[in-house]
Amino acid sequence: MASSLVVKVTCGPEAPERLNQGLTVAATALASGVEVSLWLTGDAAWMAVPGRAEEVALPHGAPAAELRDAVLAGGSVTVCTQCAARRELTEADLVPGARIRGSAAFVEEIMAEGTQALVY
């Protein structure tokens, strides 16, 4: 079994089910004792901006902001550098604890021994 999990979410509010699934898997893995790194790319980058995850509503889904905050509390949340730049976001625009990193950091994380990566 993998000792850490990297979850990359590539969609935002335009695909709420897929977005919520990625956030749910990340939060569930963390609650199960797995080390979790959540990467937000494309329009998922908005989920790291205060107030934006709170706008996502999905019937029968856990609130996106609560899932994001659960991962922030025990794991890491990273926004893709290019995705942030295209949206004119800096780390100052993100929720406390979220960071901006590039593809080299992503590749380093997913290639680490004992790591499983999932993309939503």
N, C-alpha and C. Protein backbone atom coordinates (compact mmCIF):
# COMPACT_ATOMS: atom_id res chain seq x y z
N MET A 1 0.83 -1.19 0.00
CA MET A 1 0.00 0.00 0.00
C MET A 1 0.88 1.25 0.00
N ALA A 2 0.45 2.25 -0.75
CA ALA A 2 1.20 3.50 -0.82
C ALA A 2 1.18 4.21 0.54
N SER A 3 2.30 4.81 0.88
CA SER A 3 2.35 5.54 2.14
C SER A 3 1.95 7.00 1.95
N SER A 4 1.92 7.45 0.69
CA SER A 4 1.45 8.80 0.43
C SER A 4 0.64 8.83 -0.86
N LEU A 5 -0.22 9.82 -0.93
CA LEU A 5 -1.13 9.95 -2.07
C LEU A 5 -1.08 11.38 -2.58
N VAL A 6 -0.89 11.52 -3.88
CA VAL A 6 -0.97 12.82 -4.54
C VAL A 6 -2.24 12.80 -5.37
N VAL A 7 -3.13 13.74 -5.10
CA VAL A 7 -4.38 13.86 -5.84
C VAL A 7 -4.32 15.16 -6.64
N LYS A 8 -4.45 15.03 -7.95
CA LYS A 8 -4.43 16.20 -8.83
C LYS A 8 -5.85 16.41 -9.35
N VAL A 9 -6.41 17.57 -9.07
CA VAL A 9 -7.75 17.91 -9.54
C VAL A 9 -7.60 18.93 -10.66
N THR A 10 -8.16 18.62 -11.81
CA THR A 10 -7.96 19.44 -13.01
C THR A 10 -9.19 20.24 -13.43
N CYS A 11 -10.25 20.16 -12.65
CA CYS A 11 -11.49 20.85 -13.03
C CYS A 11 -12.00 21.67 -11.85
N GLY A 12 -12.86 22.61 -12.17
CA GLY A 12 -13.43 23.48 -11.16
C GLY A 12 -14.93 23.34 -11.08
N PRO A 13 -15.62 24.41 -10.76
CA PRO A 13 -17.07 24.37 -10.60
C PRO A 13 -17.84 23.95 -11.85
N GLU A 14 -17.19 24.00 -13.02
CA GLU A 14 -17.86 23.56 -14.25
C GLU A 14 -18.09 22.05 -14.27
N ALA A 15 -17.38 21.31 -13.42
CA ALA A 15 -17.52 19.85 -13.31
C ALA A 15 -17.59 19.49 -11.82
N PRO A 16 -18.68 19.89 -11.15
CA PRO A 16 -18.72 19.76 -9.69
C PRO A 16 -18.59 18.33 -9.17
N GLU A 17 -19.10 17.35 -9.91
CA GLU A 17 -18.99 15.97 -9.42
C GLU A 17 -17.54 15.49 -9.42
N ARG A 18 -16.83 15.75 -10.50
CA ARG A 18 -15.43 15.34 -10.58
C ARG A 18 -14.59 16.11 -9.57
N LEU A 19 -14.84 17.40 -9.44
CA LEU A 19 -14.15 18.23 -8.46
C LEU A 19 -14.37 17.68 -7.06
N ASN A 20 -15.61 17.42 -6.72
CA ASN A 20 -15.94 16.92 -5.38
C ASN A 20 -15.35 15.54 -5.14
N GLN A 21 -15.32 14.71 -6.17
CA GLN A 21 -14.75 13.37 -6.01
C GLN A 21 -13.27 13.45 -5.66
N GLY A 22 -12.52 14.29 -6.36
CA GLY A 22 -11.10 14.44 -6.06
C GLY A 22 -10.86 14.96 -4.66
N LEU A 23 -11.62 15.97 -4.26
CA LEU A 23 -11.48 16.53 -2.92
C LEU A 23 -11.88 15.51 -1.85
N THR A 24 -12.93 14.74 -2.12
CA THR A 24 -13.39 13.72 -1.18
C THR A 24 -12.35 12.63 -0.99
N VAL A 25 -11.77 12.15 -2.09
CA VAL A 25 -10.75 11.11 -1.99
C VAL A 25 -9.55 11.62 -1.21
N ALA A 26 -9.13 12.84 -1.46
CA ALA A 26 -7.99 13.41 -0.73
C ALA A 26 -8.28 13.50 0.76
N ALA A 27 -9.44 14.03 1.12
CA ALA A 27 -9.80 14.18 2.54
C ALA A 27 -9.98 12.82 3.21
N THR A 28 -10.57 11.87 2.50
CA THR A 28 -10.78 10.53 3.06
C THR A 28 -9.46 9.82 3.29
N ALA A 29 -8.55 9.92 2.34
CA ALA A 29 -7.23 9.30 2.51
C ALA A 29 -6.52 9.89 3.72
N LEU A 30 -6.58 11.19 3.85
CA LEU A 30 -5.94 11.85 4.99
C LEU A 30 -6.54 11.36 6.30
N ALA A 31 -7.87 11.27 6.35
CA ALA A 31 -8.55 10.79 7.56
C ALA A 31 -8.19 9.33 7.86
N SER A 32 -7.76 8.60 6.83
CA SER A 32 -7.38 7.20 7.00
C SER A 32 -5.92 7.04 7.39
N GLY A 33 -5.22 8.15 7.56
CA GLY A 33 -3.83 8.09 7.99
C GLY A 33 -2.80 8.14 6.87
N VAL A 34 -3.24 8.39 5.65
CA VAL A 34 -2.33 8.48 4.52
C VAL A 34 -1.82 9.91 4.39
N GLU A 35 -0.56 10.08 4.07
CA GLU A 35 0.00 11.40 3.79
C GLU A 35 -0.58 11.86 2.45
N VAL A 36 -1.15 13.07 2.42
CA VAL A 36 -1.84 13.55 1.22
C VAL A 36 -1.31 14.89 0.75
N SER A 37 -1.13 14.96 -0.57
CA SER A 37 -0.78 16.20 -1.24
C SER A 37 -1.84 16.43 -2.32
N LEU A 38 -2.55 17.55 -2.22
CA LEU A 38 -3.60 17.89 -3.18
C LEU A 38 -3.08 18.97 -4.11
N TRP A 39 -3.11 18.69 -5.41
CA TRP A 39 -2.68 19.65 -6.43
C TRP A 39 -3.91 20.16 -7.16
N LEU A 40 -4.04 21.47 -7.24
CA LEU A 40 -5.17 22.11 -7.92
C LEU A 40 -4.66 22.74 -9.21
N THR A 41 -5.18 22.26 -10.34
CA THR A 41 -4.74 22.75 -11.64
C THR A 41 -5.95 23.20 -12.44
N GLY A 42 -5.72 23.94 -13.50
CA GLY A 42 -6.84 24.46 -14.29
C GLY A 42 -7.76 25.26 -13.40
N ASP A 43 -9.06 25.14 -13.65
CA ASP A 43 -10.02 25.90 -12.85
C ASP A 43 -10.15 25.41 -11.41
N ALA A 44 -9.54 24.28 -11.09
CA ALA A 44 -9.51 23.83 -9.69
C ALA A 44 -8.68 24.80 -8.85
N ALA A 45 -7.80 25.57 -9.50
CA ALA A 45 -6.99 26.55 -8.78
C ALA A 45 -7.86 27.50 -7.96
N TRP A 46 -9.05 27.79 -8.46
CA TRP A 46 -9.95 28.70 -7.74
C TRP A 46 -10.35 28.16 -6.37
N MET A 47 -10.26 26.85 -6.17
CA MET A 47 -10.64 26.27 -4.87
C MET A 47 -9.70 26.68 -3.76
N ALA A 48 -8.54 27.22 -4.10
CA ALA A 48 -7.59 27.69 -3.09
C ALA A 48 -7.76 29.17 -2.78
N VAL A 49 -8.71 29.82 -3.43
CA VAL A 49 -8.97 31.24 -3.20
C VAL A 49 -10.11 31.37 -2.19
N PRO A 50 -9.92 32.16 -1.13
CA PRO A 50 -10.98 32.30 -0.12
C PRO A 50 -12.33 32.65 -0.76
N GLY A 51 -13.36 31.94 -0.33
CA GLY A 51 -14.72 32.19 -0.79
C GLY A 51 -15.13 31.43 -2.04
N ARG A 52 -14.18 30.96 -2.83
CA ARG A 52 -14.54 30.31 -4.08
C ARG A 52 -15.04 28.88 -3.88
N ALA A 53 -14.40 28.10 -3.02
CA ALA A 53 -14.86 26.74 -2.76
C ALA A 53 -16.22 26.76 -2.07
N GLU A 54 -16.46 27.81 -1.30
CA GLU A 54 -17.74 27.94 -0.60
C GLU A 54 -18.90 28.12 -1.57
N GLU A 55 -18.62 28.54 -2.80
CA GLU A 55 -19.65 28.74 -3.81
C GLU A 55 -20.07 27.46 -4.52
N VAL A 56 -19.28 26.40 -4.36
CA VAL A 56 -19.56 25.14 -5.05
C VAL A 56 -20.58 24.34 -4.25
N ALA A 57 -21.68 24.01 -4.90
CA ALA A 57 -22.72 23.21 -4.26
C ALA A 57 -22.97 21.96 -5.09
N LEU A 58 -23.00 20.82 -4.43
CA LEU A 58 -23.27 19.56 -5.10
C LEU A 58 -24.20 18.75 -4.21
N PRO A 59 -25.41 18.46 -4.70
CA PRO A 59 -26.33 17.66 -3.90
C PRO A 59 -25.67 16.35 -3.45
N HIS A 60 -25.81 16.03 -2.20
CA HIS A 60 -25.30 14.80 -1.58
C HIS A 60 -23.78 14.76 -1.51
N GLY A 61 -23.11 15.87 -1.79
CA GLY A 61 -21.65 15.93 -1.69
C GLY A 61 -21.25 16.76 -0.49
N ALA A 62 -20.13 16.41 0.09
CA ALA A 62 -19.60 17.21 1.19
C ALA A 62 -19.21 18.58 0.65
N PRO A 63 -19.35 19.64 1.44
CA PRO A 63 -18.97 20.97 0.97
C PRO A 63 -17.50 21.04 0.56
N ALA A 64 -17.24 21.59 -0.62
CA ALA A 64 -15.88 21.66 -1.16
C ALA A 64 -14.93 22.38 -0.20
N ALA A 65 -15.38 23.44 0.42
CA ALA A 65 -14.52 24.20 1.33
C ALA A 65 -14.12 23.34 2.54
N GLU A 66 -15.04 22.55 3.05
CA GLU A 66 -14.71 21.69 4.20
C GLU A 66 -13.70 20.62 3.81
N LEU A 67 -13.85 20.07 2.62
CA LEU A 67 -12.90 19.05 2.15
C LEU A 67 -11.52 19.67 1.95
N ARG A 68 -11.47 20.83 1.30
CA ARG A 68 -10.19 21.53 1.10
C ARG A 68 -9.54 21.84 2.45
N ASP A 69 -10.32 22.35 3.38
CA ASP A 69 -9.78 22.73 4.68
C ASP A 69 -9.28 21.51 5.46
N ALA A 70 -9.95 20.37 5.29
CA ALA A 70 -9.49 19.14 5.95
C ALA A 70 -8.11 18.74 5.42
N VAL A 71 -7.93 18.86 4.12
CA VAL A 71 -6.62 18.54 3.54
C VAL A 71 -5.58 19.54 4.00
N LEU A 72 -5.93 20.81 4.02
CA LEU A 72 -5.00 21.84 4.50
C LEU A 72 -4.56 21.58 5.94
N ALA A 73 -5.47 21.08 6.76
CA ALA A 73 -5.18 20.87 8.17
C ALA A 73 -4.16 19.75 8.41
N GLY A 74 -4.13 18.76 7.52
CA GLY A 74 -3.24 17.63 7.78
C GLY A 74 -2.34 17.25 6.63
N GLY A 75 -2.52 17.87 5.48
CA GLY A 75 -1.71 17.55 4.31
C GLY A 75 -1.23 18.83 3.67
N SER A 76 -1.13 18.80 2.35
CA SER A 76 -0.71 20.02 1.65
C SER A 76 -1.63 20.28 0.46
N VAL A 77 -1.78 21.57 0.15
CA VAL A 77 -2.57 22.01 -0.99
C VAL A 77 -1.68 22.91 -1.84
N THR A 78 -1.55 22.53 -3.10
CA THR A 78 -0.66 23.25 -4.01
C THR A 78 -1.42 23.64 -5.27
N VAL A 79 -1.20 24.87 -5.71
CA VAL A 79 -1.76 25.36 -6.97
C VAL A 79 -0.63 25.38 -8.00
N CYS A 80 -0.91 24.90 -9.18
CA CYS A 80 0.03 24.89 -10.29
C CYS A 80 0.49 26.31 -10.63
N THR A 81 1.78 26.49 -10.84
CA THR A 81 2.34 27.81 -11.14
C THR A 81 1.71 28.44 -12.36
N GLN A 82 1.66 27.70 -13.47
CA GLN A 82 1.09 28.26 -14.70
C GLN A 82 -0.40 28.56 -14.54
N CYS A 83 -1.09 27.68 -13.85
CA CYS A 83 -2.53 27.87 -13.64
C CYS A 83 -2.79 29.12 -12.81
N ALA A 84 -1.97 29.32 -11.79
CA ALA A 84 -2.09 30.53 -10.96
C ALA A 84 -1.80 31.77 -11.80
N ALA A 85 -0.74 31.71 -12.60
CA ALA A 85 -0.36 32.87 -13.42
C ALA A 85 -1.46 33.23 -14.41
N ARG A 86 -2.08 32.22 -15.04
CA ARG A 86 -3.15 32.49 -16.01
C ARG A 86 -4.35 33.15 -15.34
N ARG A 87 -4.51 32.93 -14.06
CA ARG A 87 -5.63 33.50 -13.31
C ARG A 87 -5.19 34.71 -12.48
N GLU A 88 -3.95 35.12 -12.68
CA GLU A 88 -3.36 36.25 -11.98
C GLU A 88 -3.43 36.09 -10.46
N LEU A 89 -3.14 34.87 -9.99
CA LEU A 89 -3.15 34.56 -8.57
C LEU A 89 -1.72 34.49 -8.04
N THR A 90 -1.54 35.00 -6.84
CA THR A 90 -0.28 34.85 -6.12
C THR A 90 -0.59 34.13 -4.82
N GLU A 91 0.44 33.73 -4.10
CA GLU A 91 0.18 33.06 -2.82
C GLU A 91 -0.61 33.95 -1.86
N ALA A 92 -0.48 35.25 -1.99
CA ALA A 92 -1.23 36.17 -1.13
C ALA A 92 -2.74 36.09 -1.40
N ASP A 93 -3.12 35.58 -2.57
CA ASP A 93 -4.54 35.44 -2.93
C ASP A 93 -5.14 34.14 -2.42
N LEU A 94 -4.32 33.24 -1.93
CA LEU A 94 -4.78 31.89 -1.56
C LEU A 94 -5.12 31.79 -0.08
N VAL A 95 -5.87 30.75 0.26
CA VAL A 95 -6.17 30.49 1.66
C VAL A 95 -4.86 30.21 2.39
N PRO A 96 -4.78 30.55 3.66
CA PRO A 96 -3.56 30.31 4.42
C PRO A 96 -3.14 28.84 4.34
N GLY A 97 -1.88 28.62 4.06
CA GLY A 97 -1.34 27.27 3.98
C GLY A 97 -1.21 26.74 2.57
N ALA A 98 -1.99 27.26 1.63
CA ALA A 98 -1.87 26.83 0.24
C ALA A 98 -0.64 27.47 -0.37
N ARG A 99 -0.06 26.78 -1.33
CA ARG A 99 1.17 27.28 -1.94
C ARG A 99 1.09 27.14 -3.46
N ILE A 100 2.00 27.77 -4.15
CA ILE A 100 2.09 27.68 -5.61
C ILE A 100 3.43 27.03 -5.95
N ARG A 101 3.37 25.97 -6.78
CA ARG A 101 4.58 25.26 -7.18
C ARG A 101 4.44 24.81 -8.63
N GLY A 102 5.56 24.52 -9.26
CA GLY A 102 5.58 24.13 -10.66
C GLY A 102 5.63 22.63 -10.89
N SER A 103 5.75 22.29 -12.15
CA SER A 103 5.71 20.88 -12.56
C SER A 103 6.88 20.08 -12.00
N ALA A 104 8.03 20.69 -11.79
CA ALA A 104 9.16 19.95 -11.22
C ALA A 104 8.81 19.44 -9.82
N ALA A 105 8.14 20.26 -9.03
CA ALA A 105 7.73 19.84 -7.69
C ALA A 105 6.69 18.73 -7.76
N PHE A 106 5.78 18.83 -8.74
CA PHE A 106 4.76 17.79 -8.91
C PHE A 106 5.43 16.46 -9.27
N VAL A 107 6.32 16.49 -10.25
CA VAL A 107 7.01 15.27 -10.67
C VAL A 107 7.80 14.67 -9.51
N GLU A 108 8.48 15.50 -8.75
CA GLU A 108 9.23 15.01 -7.59
C GLU A 108 8.31 14.29 -6.61
N GLU A 109 7.15 14.86 -6.36
CA GLU A 109 6.21 14.23 -5.42
C GLU A 109 5.69 12.90 -5.95
N ILE A 110 5.27 12.87 -7.20
CA ILE A 110 4.64 11.63 -7.70
C ILE A 110 5.65 10.51 -7.94
N MET A 111 6.93 10.85 -8.09
CA MET A 111 7.94 9.83 -8.33
C MET A 111 8.57 9.29 -7.05
N ALA A 112 8.20 9.86 -5.93
CA ALA A 112 8.76 9.38 -4.66
C ALA A 112 8.30 7.95 -4.39
N GLU A 113 9.20 7.17 -3.85
CA GLU A 113 8.89 5.78 -3.54
C GLU A 113 7.72 5.72 -2.56
N GLY A 114 6.80 4.81 -2.80
CA GLY A 114 5.65 4.63 -1.92
C GLY A 114 4.50 5.60 -2.18
N THR A 115 4.56 6.32 -3.29
CA THR A 115 3.53 7.32 -3.59
C THR A 115 2.62 6.82 -4.70
N GLN A 116 1.35 7.04 -4.50
CA GLN A 116 0.32 6.75 -5.52
C GLN A 116 -0.23 8.09 -5.97
N ALA A 117 -0.42 8.27 -7.28
CA ALA A 117 -0.97 9.51 -7.80
C ALA A 117 -2.29 9.23 -8.50
N LEU A 118 -3.26 10.10 -8.28
CA LEU A 118 -4.58 10.02 -8.92
C LEU A 118 -4.88 11.36 -9.56
N VAL A 119 -5.55 11.34 -10.70
CA VAL A 119 -5.93 12.58 -11.37
C VAL A 119 -7.43 12.57 -11.60
N TYR A 120 -8.07 13.68 -11.23
CA TYR A 120 -9.51 13.87 -11.44
C TYR A 120 -9.72 15.06 -12.34
